[in-house]
Amino acid sequence: MSDDRAVETDDTATESTSMLSRTLLTWLELTVVGITGGAVGAAVGGPPAFIAYLLTTLVSVGILFHNVAALVDARIAATRASGAGASGTD
């Protein structure tokens, strides 16, 4: 029984580490995209700067969706793996 608790603790720690690393990766990607978009917008000015702003916003939303989807996929896979071992169906 103590072995089961150790496995659950390891799984929780792995999920927490995955969440933290994905959050930091998302923050880094958004920072890079924002700085790059701001630099491009400032360099070109006028209507092309507005296009750069829209493109930066679109890429930022894409980054958020991609990283949230990766976290959801990891959670679903972990749930299926823990559920498959308990029920024996897969």
PDB file of N, CA and C in Angstrom:
ATOM      1  N   MET A   1       0.820  -1.183   0.000  1.00  0.00           N
ATOM      2  CA  MET A   1       0.000   0.000   0.000  1.00  0.00           C
ATOM      3  C   MET A   1       0.869   1.255   0.000  1.00  0.00           C
ATOM      4  N   SER A   2       1.977   1.244   0.688  1.00  0.00           N
ATOM      5  CA  SER A   2       2.864   2.404   0.684  1.00  0.00           C
ATOM      6  C   SER A   2       3.487   2.604  -0.685  1.00  0.00           C
ATOM      7  N   ASP A   3       3.657   1.519  -1.466  1.00  0.00           N
ATOM      8  CA  ASP A   3       4.185   1.648  -2.821  1.00  0.00           C
ATOM      9  C   ASP A   3       3.211   2.422  -3.701  1.00  0.00           C
ATOM     10  N   ASP A   4       1.903   2.201  -3.533  1.00  0.00           N
ATOM     11  CA  ASP A   4       0.899   2.928  -4.303  1.00  0.00           C
ATOM     12  C   ASP A   4       0.957   4.414  -3.995  1.00  0.00           C
ATOM     13  N   ARG A   5       1.136   4.748  -2.747  1.00  0.00           N
ATOM     14  CA  ARG A   5       1.228   6.158  -2.365  1.00  0.00           C
ATOM     15  C   ARG A   5       2.472   6.796  -2.967  1.00  0.00           C
ATOM     16  N   ALA A   6       3.566   6.067  -2.998  1.00  0.00           N
ATOM     17  CA  ALA A   6       4.799   6.603  -3.580  1.00  0.00           C
ATOM     18  C   ALA A   6       4.625   6.862  -5.068  1.00  0.00           C
ATOM     19  N   VAL A   7       3.938   5.964  -5.759  1.00  0.00           N
ATOM     20  CA  VAL A   7       3.689   6.142  -7.186  1.00  0.00           C
ATOM     21  C   VAL A   7       2.797   7.355  -7.410  1.00  0.00           C
ATOM     22  N   GLU A   8       1.744   7.508  -6.596  1.00  0.00           N
ATOM     23  CA  GLU A   8       0.857   8.658  -6.734  1.00  0.00           C
ATOM     24  C   GLU A   8       1.622   9.955  -6.489  1.00  0.00           C
ATOM     25  N   THR A   9       2.500   9.979  -5.509  1.00  0.00           N
ATOM     26  CA  THR A   9       3.287  11.163  -5.217  1.00  0.00           C
ATOM     27  C   THR A   9       4.215  11.482  -6.376  1.00  0.00           C
ATOM     28  N   ASP A  10       4.854  10.467  -6.961  1.00  0.00           N
ATOM     29  CA  ASP A  10       5.733  10.688  -8.105  1.00  0.00           C
ATOM     30  C   ASP A  10       4.952  11.225  -9.300  1.00  0.00           C
ATOM     31  N   ASP A  11       3.741  10.689  -9.545  1.00  0.00           N
ATOM     32  CA  ASP A  11       2.915  11.166 -10.640  1.00  0.00           C
ATOM     33  C   ASP A  11       2.524  12.619 -10.436  1.00  0.00           C
ATOM     34  N   THR A  12       2.163  12.978  -9.211  1.00  0.00           N
ATOM     35  CA  THR A  12       1.784  14.346  -8.904  1.00  0.00           C
ATOM     36  C   THR A  12       2.967  15.282  -9.094  1.00  0.00           C
ATOM     37  N   ALA A  13       4.143  14.864  -8.666  1.00  0.00           N
ATOM     38  CA  ALA A  13       5.340  15.686  -8.836  1.00  0.00           C
ATOM     39  C   ALA A  13       5.672  15.859 -10.312  1.00  0.00           C
ATOM     40  N   THR A  14       5.507  14.811 -11.105  1.00  0.00           N
ATOM     41  CA  THR A  14       5.779  14.893 -12.533  1.00  0.00           C
ATOM     42  C   THR A  14       4.796  15.838 -13.210  1.00  0.00           C
ATOM     43  N   GLU A  15       3.515  15.747 -12.856  1.00  0.00           N
ATOM     44  CA  GLU A  15       2.517  16.641 -13.428  1.00  0.00           C
ATOM     45  C   GLU A  15       2.802  18.088 -13.042  1.00  0.00           C
ATOM     46  N   SER A  16       3.204  18.312 -11.805  1.00  0.00           N
ATOM     47  CA  SER A  16       3.513  19.656 -11.345  1.00  0.00           C
ATOM     48  C   SER A  16       4.717  20.219 -12.093  1.00  0.00           C
ATOM     49  N   THR A  17       5.736  19.389 -12.294  1.00  0.00           N
ATOM     50  CA  THR A  17       6.927  19.823 -13.024  1.00  0.00           C
ATOM     51  C   THR A  17       6.574  20.122 -14.474  1.00  0.00           C
ATOM     52  N   SER A  18       5.742  19.276 -15.069  1.00  0.00           N
ATOM     53  CA  SER A  18       5.311  19.494 -16.447  1.00  0.00           C
ATOM     54  C   SER A  18       4.538  20.807 -16.566  1.00  0.00           C
ATOM     55  N   MET A  19       3.663  21.061 -15.616  1.00  0.00           N
ATOM     56  CA  MET A  19       2.877  22.298 -15.623  1.00  0.00           C
ATOM     57  C   MET A  19       3.785  23.515 -15.481  1.00  0.00           C
ATOM     58  N   LEU A  20       4.749  23.439 -14.578  1.00  0.00           N
ATOM     59  CA  LEU A  20       5.665  24.553 -14.366  1.00  0.00           C
ATOM     60  C   LEU A  20       6.518  24.805 -15.602  1.00  0.00           C
ATOM     61  N   SER A  21       7.060  23.748 -16.191  1.00  0.00           N
ATOM     62  CA  SER A  21       7.908  23.937 -17.367  1.00  0.00           C
ATOM     63  C   SER A  21       7.091  24.456 -18.549  1.00  0.00           C
ATOM     64  N   ARG A  22       5.860  23.980 -18.704  1.00  0.00           N
ATOM     65  CA  ARG A  22       5.010  24.458 -19.799  1.00  0.00           C
ATOM     66  C   ARG A  22       4.646  25.921 -19.578  1.00  0.00           C
ATOM     67  N   THR A  23       4.405  26.312 -18.323  1.00  0.00           N
ATOM     68  CA  THR A  23       4.086  27.705 -18.016  1.00  0.00           C
ATOM     69  C   THR A  23       5.266  28.612 -18.319  1.00  0.00           C
ATOM     70  N   LEU A  24       6.464  28.190 -17.928  1.00  0.00           N
ATOM     71  CA  LEU A  24       7.651  28.994 -18.211  1.00  0.00           C
ATOM     72  C   LEU A  24       7.922  29.083 -19.714  1.00  0.00           C
ATOM     73  N   LEU A  25       7.721  27.994 -20.426  1.00  0.00           N
ATOM     74  CA  LEU A  25       7.901  27.995 -21.866  1.00  0.00           C
ATOM     75  C   LEU A  25       6.907  28.945 -22.531  1.00  0.00           C
ATOM     76  N   THR A  26       5.671  28.918 -22.080  1.00  0.00           N
ATOM     77  CA  THR A  26       4.653  29.817 -22.624  1.00  0.00           C
ATOM     78  C   THR A  26       5.029  31.262 -22.371  1.00  0.00           C
ATOM     79  N   TRP A  27       5.460  31.563 -21.153  1.00  0.00           N
ATOM     80  CA  TRP A  27       5.868  32.928 -20.810  1.00  0.00           C
ATOM     81  C   TRP A  27       7.020  33.376 -21.701  1.00  0.00           C
ATOM     82  N   LEU A  28       8.006  32.518 -21.902  1.00  0.00           N
ATOM     83  CA  LEU A  28       9.152  32.861 -22.739  1.00  0.00           C
ATOM     84  C   LEU A  28       8.723  33.096 -24.193  1.00  0.00           C
ATOM     85  N   GLU A  29       7.888  32.219 -24.719  1.00  0.00           N
ATOM     86  CA  GLU A  29       7.425  32.373 -26.101  1.00  0.00           C
ATOM     87  C   GLU A  29       6.635  33.668 -26.281  1.00  0.00           C
ATOM     88  N   LEU A  30       5.750  33.969 -25.337  1.00  0.00           N
ATOM     89  CA  LEU A  30       4.961  35.196 -25.434  1.00  0.00           C
ATOM     90  C   LEU A  30       5.837  36.441 -25.324  1.00  0.00           C
ATOM     91  N   THR A  31       6.855  36.374 -24.482  1.00  0.00           N
ATOM     92  CA  THR A  31       7.776  37.502 -24.337  1.00  0.00           C
ATOM     93  C   THR A  31       8.535  37.748 -25.634  1.00  0.00           C
ATOM     94  N   VAL A  32       9.049  36.681 -26.228  1.00  0.00           N
ATOM     95  CA  VAL A  32       9.803  36.813 -27.477  1.00  0.00           C
ATOM     96  C   VAL A  32       8.909  37.352 -28.593  1.00  0.00           C
ATOM     97  N   VAL A  33       7.708  36.806 -28.708  1.00  0.00           N
ATOM     98  CA  VAL A  33       6.787  37.258 -29.759  1.00  0.00           C
ATOM     99  C   VAL A  33       6.388  38.717 -29.530  1.00  0.00           C
ATOM    100  N   GLY A  34       6.111  39.089 -28.290  1.00  0.00           N
ATOM    101  CA  GLY A  34       5.720  40.469 -27.993  1.00  0.00           C
ATOM    102  C   GLY A  34       6.818  41.473 -28.280  1.00  0.00           C
ATOM    103  N   ILE A  35       8.034  41.151 -27.872  1.00  0.00           N
ATOM    104  CA  ILE A  35       9.159  42.058 -28.119  1.00  0.00           C
ATOM    105  C   ILE A  35       9.435  42.163 -29.620  1.00  0.00           C
ATOM    106  N   THR A  36       9.410  41.031 -30.304  1.00  0.00           N
ATOM    107  CA  THR A  36       9.648  41.044 -31.748  1.00  0.00           C
ATOM    108  C   THR A  36       8.563  41.828 -32.478  1.00  0.00           C
ATOM    109  N   GLY A  37       7.315  41.589 -32.120  1.00  0.00           N
ATOM    110  CA  GLY A  37       6.214  42.326 -32.744  1.00  0.00           C
ATOM    111  C   GLY A  37       6.283  43.810 -32.467  1.00  0.00           C
ATOM    112  N   GLY A  38       6.642  44.167 -31.245  1.00  0.00           N
ATOM    113  CA  GLY A  38       6.786  45.581 -30.908  1.00  0.00           C
ATOM    114  C   GLY A  38       7.917  46.245 -31.672  1.00  0.00           C
ATOM    115  N   ALA A  39       9.021  45.535 -31.815  1.00  0.00           N
ATOM    116  CA  ALA A  39      10.164  46.080 -32.560  1.00  0.00           C
ATOM    117  C   ALA A  39       9.819  46.263 -34.040  1.00  0.00           C
ATOM    118  N   VAL A  40       9.152  45.272 -34.613  1.00  0.00           N
ATOM    119  CA  VAL A  40       8.754  45.373 -36.026  1.00  0.00           C
ATOM    120  C   VAL A  40       7.757  46.506 -36.213  1.00  0.00           C
ATOM    121  N   GLY A  41       6.780  46.602 -35.325  1.00  0.00           N
ATOM    122  CA  GLY A  41       5.790  47.671 -35.416  1.00  0.00           C
ATOM    123  C   GLY A  41       6.408  49.048 -35.292  1.00  0.00           C
ATOM    124  N   ALA A  42       7.366  49.191 -34.375  1.00  0.00           N
ATOM    125  CA  ALA A  42       8.027  50.480 -34.198  1.00  0.00           C
ATOM    126  C   ALA A  42       8.923  50.812 -35.387  1.00  0.00           C
ATOM    127  N   ALA A  43       9.514  49.795 -35.992  1.00  0.00           N
ATOM    128  CA  ALA A  43      10.436  50.029 -37.110  1.00  0.00           C
ATOM    129  C   ALA A  43       9.693  50.444 -38.372  1.00  0.00           C
ATOM    130  N   VAL A  44       8.532  49.863 -38.628  1.00  0.00           N
ATOM    131  CA  VAL A  44       7.848  50.155 -39.887  1.00  0.00           C
ATOM    132  C   VAL A  44       6.888  51.330 -39.774  1.00  0.00           C
ATOM    133  N   GLY A  45       6.168  51.453 -38.671  1.00  0.00           N
ATOM    134  CA  GLY A  45       5.244  52.563 -38.475  1.00  0.00           C
ATOM    135  C   GLY A  45       4.067  52.526 -39.441  1.00  0.00           C
ATOM    136  N   GLY A  46       3.081  53.393 -39.198  1.00  0.00           N
ATOM    137  CA  GLY A  46       1.922  53.525 -40.074  1.00  0.00           C
ATOM    138  C   GLY A  46       1.047  52.280 -40.117  1.00  0.00           C
ATOM    139  N   PRO A  47       0.340  52.096 -41.222  1.00  0.00           N
ATOM    140  CA  PRO A  47      -0.546  50.941 -41.368  1.00  0.00           C
ATOM    141  C   PRO A  47       0.166  49.586 -41.266  1.00  0.00           C
ATOM    142  N   PRO A  48       1.390  49.448 -41.784  1.00  0.00           N
ATOM    143  CA  PRO A  48       2.061  48.154 -41.601  1.00  0.00           C
ATOM    144  C   PRO A  48       2.307  47.811 -40.121  1.00  0.00           C
ATOM    145  N   ALA A  49       2.447  48.822 -39.274  1.00  0.00           N
ATOM    146  CA  ALA A  49       2.613  48.573 -37.839  1.00  0.00           C
ATOM    147  C   ALA A  49       1.339  47.957 -37.264  1.00  0.00           C
ATOM    148  N   PHE A  50       0.188  48.383 -37.759  1.00  0.00           N
ATOM    149  CA  PHE A  50      -1.078  47.807 -37.307  1.00  0.00           C
ATOM    150  C   PHE A  50      -1.169  46.339 -37.727  1.00  0.00           C
ATOM    151  N   ILE A  51      -0.712  46.040 -38.936  1.00  0.00           N
ATOM    152  CA  ILE A  51      -0.687  44.651 -39.399  1.00  0.00           C
ATOM    153  C   ILE A  51       0.255  43.828 -38.512  1.00  0.00           C
ATOM    154  N   ALA A  52       1.404  44.405 -38.147  1.00  0.00           N
ATOM    155  CA  ALA A  52       2.345  43.711 -37.255  1.00  0.00           C
ATOM    156  C   ALA A  52       1.695  43.469 -35.894  1.00  0.00           C
ATOM    157  N   TYR A  53       0.923  44.448 -35.409  1.00  0.00           N
ATOM    158  CA  TYR A  53       0.209  44.290 -34.138  1.00  0.00           C
ATOM    159  C   TYR A  53      -0.798  43.143 -34.228  1.00  0.00           C
ATOM    160  N   LEU A  54      -1.573  43.118 -35.304  1.00  0.00           N
ATOM    161  CA  LEU A  54      -2.556  42.044 -35.468  1.00  0.00           C
ATOM    162  C   LEU A  54      -1.880  40.681 -35.580  1.00  0.00           C
ATOM    163  N   LEU A  55      -0.780  40.615 -36.315  1.00  0.00           N
ATOM    164  CA  LEU A  55      -0.046  39.361 -36.457  1.00  0.00           C
ATOM    165  C   LEU A  55       0.535  38.909 -35.114  1.00  0.00           C
ATOM    166  N   THR A  56       1.054  39.863 -34.338  1.00  0.00           N
ATOM    167  CA  THR A  56       1.595  39.530 -33.015  1.00  0.00           C
ATOM    168  C   THR A  56       0.492  38.984 -32.107  1.00  0.00           C
ATOM    169  N   THR A  57      -0.671  39.599 -32.167  1.00  0.00           N
ATOM    170  CA  THR A  57      -1.805  39.122 -31.366  1.00  0.00           C
ATOM    171  C   THR A  57      -2.224  37.724 -31.792  1.00  0.00           C
ATOM    172  N   LEU A  58      -2.291  37.489 -33.093  1.00  0.00           N
ATOM    173  CA  LEU A  58      -2.674  36.180 -33.611  1.00  0.00           C
ATOM    174  C   LEU A  58      -1.679  35.099 -33.176  1.00  0.00           C
ATOM    175  N   VAL A  59      -0.392  35.395 -33.271  1.00  0.00           N
ATOM    176  CA  VAL A  59       0.630  34.429 -32.869  1.00  0.00           C
ATOM    177  C   VAL A  59       0.568  34.179 -31.357  1.00  0.00           C
ATOM    178  N   SER A  60       0.310  35.224 -30.576  1.00  0.00           N
ATOM    179  CA  SER A  60       0.194  35.060 -29.118  1.00  0.00           C
ATOM    180  C   SER A  60      -0.960  34.142 -28.750  1.00  0.00           C
ATOM    181  N   VAL A  61      -2.088  34.318 -29.398  1.00  0.00           N
ATOM    182  CA  VAL A  61      -3.236  33.449 -29.135  1.00  0.00           C
ATOM    183  C   VAL A  61      -2.914  32.018 -29.552  1.00  0.00           C
ATOM    184  N   GLY A  62      -2.229  31.862 -30.682  1.00  0.00           N
ATOM    185  CA  GLY A  62      -1.814  30.530 -31.129  1.00  0.00           C
ATOM    186  C   GLY A  62      -0.902  29.848 -30.125  1.00  0.00           C
ATOM    187  N   ILE A  63       0.031  30.614 -29.555  1.00  0.00           N
ATOM    188  CA  ILE A  63       0.942  30.061 -28.541  1.00  0.00           C
ATOM    189  C   ILE A  63       0.146  29.591 -27.323  1.00  0.00           C
ATOM    190  N   LEU A  64      -0.783  30.414 -26.871  1.00  0.00           N
ATOM    191  CA  LEU A  64      -1.597  30.035 -25.707  1.00  0.00           C
ATOM    192  C   LEU A  64      -2.410  28.776 -25.984  1.00  0.00           C
ATOM    193  N   PHE A  65      -3.067  28.730 -27.139  1.00  0.00           N
ATOM    194  CA  PHE A  65      -3.867  27.550 -27.479  1.00  0.00           C
ATOM    195  C   PHE A  65      -2.999  26.301 -27.575  1.00  0.00           C
ATOM    196  N   HIS A  66      -1.839  26.425 -28.201  1.00  0.00           N
ATOM    197  CA  HIS A  66      -0.950  25.268 -28.357  1.00  0.00           C
ATOM    198  C   HIS A  66      -0.508  24.726 -26.997  1.00  0.00           C
ATOM    199  N   ASN A  67      -0.100  25.616 -26.106  1.00  0.00           N
ATOM    200  CA  ASN A  67       0.407  25.171 -24.809  1.00  0.00           C
ATOM    201  C   ASN A  67      -0.701  24.657 -23.898  1.00  0.00           C
ATOM    202  N   VAL A  68      -1.873  25.247 -23.954  1.00  0.00           N
ATOM    203  CA  VAL A  68      -2.997  24.730 -23.167  1.00  0.00           C
ATOM    204  C   VAL A  68      -3.400  23.354 -23.693  1.00  0.00           C
ATOM    205  N   ALA A  69      -3.413  23.195 -25.011  1.00  0.00           N
ATOM    206  CA  ALA A  69      -3.744  21.887 -25.596  1.00  0.00           C
ATOM    207  C   ALA A  69      -2.729  20.827 -25.170  1.00  0.00           C
ATOM    208  N   ALA A  70      -1.452  21.188 -25.105  1.00  0.00           N
ATOM    209  CA  ALA A  70      -0.428  20.237 -24.669  1.00  0.00           C
ATOM    210  C   ALA A  70      -0.646  19.828 -23.212  1.00  0.00           C
ATOM    211  N   LEU A  71      -1.018  20.780 -22.364  1.00  0.00           N
ATOM    212  CA  LEU A  71      -1.294  20.454 -20.963  1.00  0.00           C
ATOM    213  C   LEU A  71      -2.523  19.567 -20.829  1.00  0.00           C
ATOM    214  N   VAL A  72      -3.554  19.850 -21.595  1.00  0.00           N
ATOM    215  CA  VAL A  72      -4.773  19.031 -21.548  1.00  0.00           C
ATOM    216  C   VAL A  72      -4.470  17.622 -22.047  1.00  0.00           C
ATOM    217  N   ASP A  73      -3.712  17.511 -23.137  1.00  0.00           N
ATOM    218  CA  ASP A  73      -3.346  16.188 -23.653  1.00  0.00           C
ATOM    219  C   ASP A  73      -2.546  15.386 -22.631  1.00  0.00           C
ATOM    220  N   ALA A  74      -1.624  16.052 -21.951  1.00  0.00           N
ATOM    221  CA  ALA A  74      -0.822  15.361 -20.932  1.00  0.00           C
ATOM    222  C   ALA A  74      -1.700  14.900 -19.775  1.00  0.00           C
ATOM    223  N   ARG A  75      -2.650  15.728 -19.371  1.00  0.00           N
ATOM    224  CA  ARG A  75      -3.548  15.367 -18.274  1.00  0.00           C
ATOM    225  C   ARG A  75      -4.439  14.196 -18.674  1.00  0.00           C
ATOM    226  N   ILE A  76      -4.950  14.215 -19.894  1.00  0.00           N
ATOM    227  CA  ILE A  76      -5.797  13.119 -20.369  1.00  0.00           C
ATOM    228  C   ILE A  76      -4.997  11.819 -20.440  1.00  0.00           C
ATOM    229  N   ALA A  77      -3.775  11.899 -20.953  1.00  0.00           N
ATOM    230  CA  ALA A  77      -2.932  10.705 -21.041  1.00  0.00           C
ATOM    231  C   ALA A  77      -2.618  10.154 -19.658  1.00  0.00           C
ATOM    232  N   ALA A  78      -2.348  11.037 -18.692  1.00  0.00           N
ATOM    233  CA  ALA A  78      -2.065  10.584 -17.331  1.00  0.00           C
ATOM    234  C   ALA A  78      -3.294   9.952 -16.699  1.00  0.00           C
ATOM    235  N   THR A  79      -4.446  10.522 -16.953  1.00  0.00           N
ATOM    236  CA  THR A  79      -5.684   9.974 -16.411  1.00  0.00           C
ATOM    237  C   THR A  79      -5.988   8.615 -17.021  1.00  0.00           C
ATOM    238  N   ARG A  80      -5.792   8.491 -18.330  1.00  0.00           N
ATOM    239  CA  ARG A  80      -6.030   7.209 -18.979  1.00  0.00           C
ATOM    240  C   ARG A  80      -5.046   6.151 -18.504  1.00  0.00           C
ATOM    241  N   ALA A  81      -3.792   6.555 -18.300  1.00  0.00           N
ATOM    242  CA  ALA A  81      -2.783   5.593 -17.839  1.00  0.00           C
ATOM    243  C   ALA A  81      -3.098   5.111 -16.430  1.00  0.00           C
ATOM    244  N   SER A  82      -3.499   6.003 -15.556  1.00  0.00           N
ATOM    245  CA  SER A  82      -3.827   5.587 -14.193  1.00  0.00           C
ATOM    246  C   SER A  82      -5.141   4.818 -14.156  1.00  0.00           C
ATOM    247  N   GLY A  83      -6.085   5.189 -15.019  1.00  0.00           N
ATOM    248  CA  GLY A  83      -7.371   4.497 -15.070  1.00  0.00           C
ATOM    249  C   GLY A  83      -7.251   3.136 -15.737  1.00  0.00           C
ATOM    250  N   ALA A  84      -6.373   3.003 -16.734  1.00  0.00           N
ATOM    251  CA  ALA A  84      -6.208   1.734 -17.443  1.00  0.00           C
ATOM    252  C   ALA A  84      -5.589   0.679 -16.529  1.00  0.00           C
ATOM    253  N   GLY A  85      -4.683   1.099 -15.668  1.00  0.00           N
ATOM    254  CA  GLY A  85      -4.059   0.151 -14.753  1.00  0.00           C
ATOM    255  C   GLY A  85      -5.029  -0.348 -13.706  1.00  0.00           C
ATOM    256  N   ALA A  86      -5.966   0.499 -13.321  1.00  0.00           N
ATOM    257  CA  ALA A  86      -6.926   0.130 -12.278  1.00  0.00           C
ATOM    258  C   ALA A  86      -8.061  -0.720 -12.833  1.00  0.00           C
ATOM    259  N   SER A  87      -8.552  -0.372 -14.031  1.00  0.00           N
ATOM    260  CA  SER A  87      -9.704  -1.096 -14.547  1.00  0.00           C
ATOM    261  C   SER A  87      -9.326  -2.254 -15.457  1.00  0.00           C
ATOM    262  N   GLY A  88      -8.163  -2.184 -16.075  1.00  0.00           N
ATOM    263  CA  GLY A  88      -7.718  -3.253 -16.949  1.00  0.00           C
ATOM    264  C   GLY A  88      -8.274  -3.160 -18.348  1.00  0.00           C
ATOM    265  N   THR A  89      -8.980  -2.068 -18.664  1.00  0.00           N
ATOM    266  CA  THR A  89      -9.494  -1.886 -20.018  1.00  0.00           C
ATOM    267  C   THR A  89      -8.727  -0.791 -20.702  1.00  0.00           C
ATOM    268  N   ASP A  90      -8.393  -1.035 -21.957  1.00  0.00           N
ATOM    269  CA  ASP A  90      -7.677  -0.024 -22.731  1.00  0.00           C
ATOM    270  C   ASP A  90      -7.908  -0.250 -24.203  1.00  0.00           C
TER     271      ASP A  90
END
